[in-house]
Amino acid sequence: MTAAHQYGLQLHRAGRHQHAVEVLEKVIEARVRVLGPTDRATLRSRMRFGDALAALAVAHTKGRAHREWTAVREAAVREWGEEDELAQMAAKALGAGTREP
């Protein structure tokens, strides 16, 4: 996990959800820069995922996170696979406290 990921997780835990999503978006942009300009569809797709995470953070603060988390997590796994770094980061940041046994 990069320093930016860790910072984003700290922001999320501190309740600064919007700023955490902004950090996540910067991580995504940097990753796409490394992958190259031909991968803009991935950037747009992942930005939509960032929007979903922002909506999930709001749901989490209102106690409705489990259902929303499940939908976001399933979409991430479907699109990028279980091993994807972004999906793993989202799981660590948002999933730990919202999964039901």
Protein backbone atom coordinates (compact mmCIF):
# COMPACT_ATOMS: atom_id res chain seq x y z
CA MET A 1 0.00 0.00 0.00
CA THR A 2 1.40 3.37 -0.98
CA ALA A 3 1.66 6.40 1.28
CA ALA A 4 -1.25 7.96 -0.63
CA HIS A 5 -3.38 4.88 0.06
CA GLN A 6 -2.53 5.02 3.75
CA TYR A 7 -3.34 8.73 3.88
CA GLY A 8 -6.68 8.09 2.17
CA LEU A 9 -7.51 5.38 4.73
CA GLN A 10 -6.62 7.71 7.60
CA LEU A 11 -8.88 10.41 6.18
CA HIS A 12 -11.73 7.94 5.82
CA ARG A 13 -11.34 6.72 9.39
CA ALA A 14 -11.30 10.33 10.59
CA GLY A 15 -14.64 10.95 8.86
CA ARG A 16 -13.23 13.14 6.08
CA HIS A 17 -14.84 11.02 3.37
CA GLN A 18 -14.87 13.56 0.53
CA HIS A 19 -11.18 14.31 0.96
CA ALA A 20 -10.44 10.57 1.09
CA VAL A 21 -12.21 10.13 -2.26
CA GLU A 22 -10.19 13.02 -3.72
CA VAL A 23 -6.98 11.29 -2.63
CA LEU A 24 -8.24 8.06 -4.18
CA GLU A 25 -8.94 9.87 -7.46
CA LYS A 26 -5.39 11.26 -7.50
CA VAL A 27 -4.03 7.74 -7.00
CA ILE A 28 -6.17 6.56 -9.92
CA GLU A 29 -4.99 9.42 -12.15
CA ALA A 30 -1.34 8.67 -11.34
CA ARG A 31 -1.87 5.00 -12.06
CA VAL A 32 -3.42 5.78 -15.44
CA ARG A 33 -0.53 8.13 -16.29
CA VAL A 34 1.81 5.20 -15.75
CA LEU A 35 -0.37 2.90 -17.88
CA GLY A 36 -0.44 5.44 -20.71
CA PRO A 37 -2.90 7.68 -22.57
CA THR A 38 -4.59 4.80 -24.37
CA ASP A 39 -6.21 3.70 -21.13
CA ARG A 40 -8.59 6.66 -20.66
CA ALA A 41 -11.63 4.37 -20.55
CA THR A 42 -10.17 2.81 -17.42
CA LEU A 43 -9.72 6.27 -15.89
CA ARG A 44 -13.35 7.22 -16.57
CA SER A 45 -14.56 3.88 -15.25
CA ARG A 46 -12.53 4.19 -12.08
CA MET A 47 -13.64 7.77 -11.54
CA ARG A 48 -17.21 6.48 -11.55
CA PHE A 49 -16.05 3.93 -8.98
CA GLY A 50 -14.68 6.84 -6.92
CA ASP A 51 -18.12 8.46 -7.09
CA ALA A 52 -19.63 5.20 -5.88
CA LEU A 53 -17.19 5.17 -2.96
CA ALA A 54 -18.21 8.73 -2.08
CA ALA A 55 -21.88 7.72 -2.08
CA LEU A 56 -21.01 4.71 0.03
CA ALA A 57 -19.22 6.90 2.58
CA VAL A 58 -22.40 8.96 2.94
CA ALA A 59 -24.49 5.80 3.34
CA HIS A 60 -22.00 4.54 5.92
CA THR A 61 -22.49 7.65 8.05
CA LYS A 62 -26.26 7.12 7.88
CA GLY A 63 -26.09 3.44 8.86
CA ARG A 64 -27.14 2.02 5.46
CA ALA A 65 -23.72 0.94 4.29
CA HIS A 66 -23.97 -2.84 4.12
CA ARG A 67 -26.33 -3.04 1.13
CA GLU A 68 -24.51 -0.25 -0.74
CA TRP A 69 -21.10 -1.72 0.10
CA THR A 70 -22.12 -5.09 -1.29
CA ALA A 71 -23.18 -3.54 -4.60
CA VAL A 72 -20.00 -1.46 -4.94
CA ARG A 73 -17.74 -4.37 -3.99
CA GLU A 74 -19.45 -6.72 -6.47
CA ALA A 75 -19.09 -4.12 -9.24
CA ALA A 76 -15.39 -3.66 -8.45
CA VAL A 77 -14.71 -7.39 -8.48
CA ARG A 78 -16.68 -7.81 -11.72
CA GLU A 79 -14.80 -5.03 -13.47
CA TRP A 80 -11.27 -5.36 -12.13
CA GLY A 81 -11.05 -8.74 -10.42
CA GLU A 82 -10.60 -9.73 -6.80
CA GLU A 83 -6.86 -9.04 -6.85
CA ASP A 84 -7.10 -5.49 -8.14
CA GLU A 85 -5.24 -3.02 -5.91
CA LEU A 86 -8.05 -0.46 -5.96
CA ALA A 87 -10.70 -3.03 -5.05
CA GLN A 88 -8.50 -4.26 -2.21
CA MET A 89 -7.99 -0.72 -0.93
CA ALA A 90 -11.72 -0.07 -1.04
CA ALA A 91 -12.37 -3.31 0.82
CA LYS A 92 -9.92 -2.35 3.54
CA ALA A 93 -11.17 1.22 3.78
CA LEU A 94 -14.90 0.62 3.71
CA GLY A 95 -15.66 -3.08 4.02
CA ALA A 96 -14.22 -3.99 7.38
CA GLY A 97 -16.92 -2.32 9.44
CA THR A 98 -19.87 -2.96 7.13
CA ARG A 99 -19.81 -6.67 6.36
CA GLU A 100 -22.37 -8.76 8.15
CA PRO A 101 -21.41 -12.28 9.33
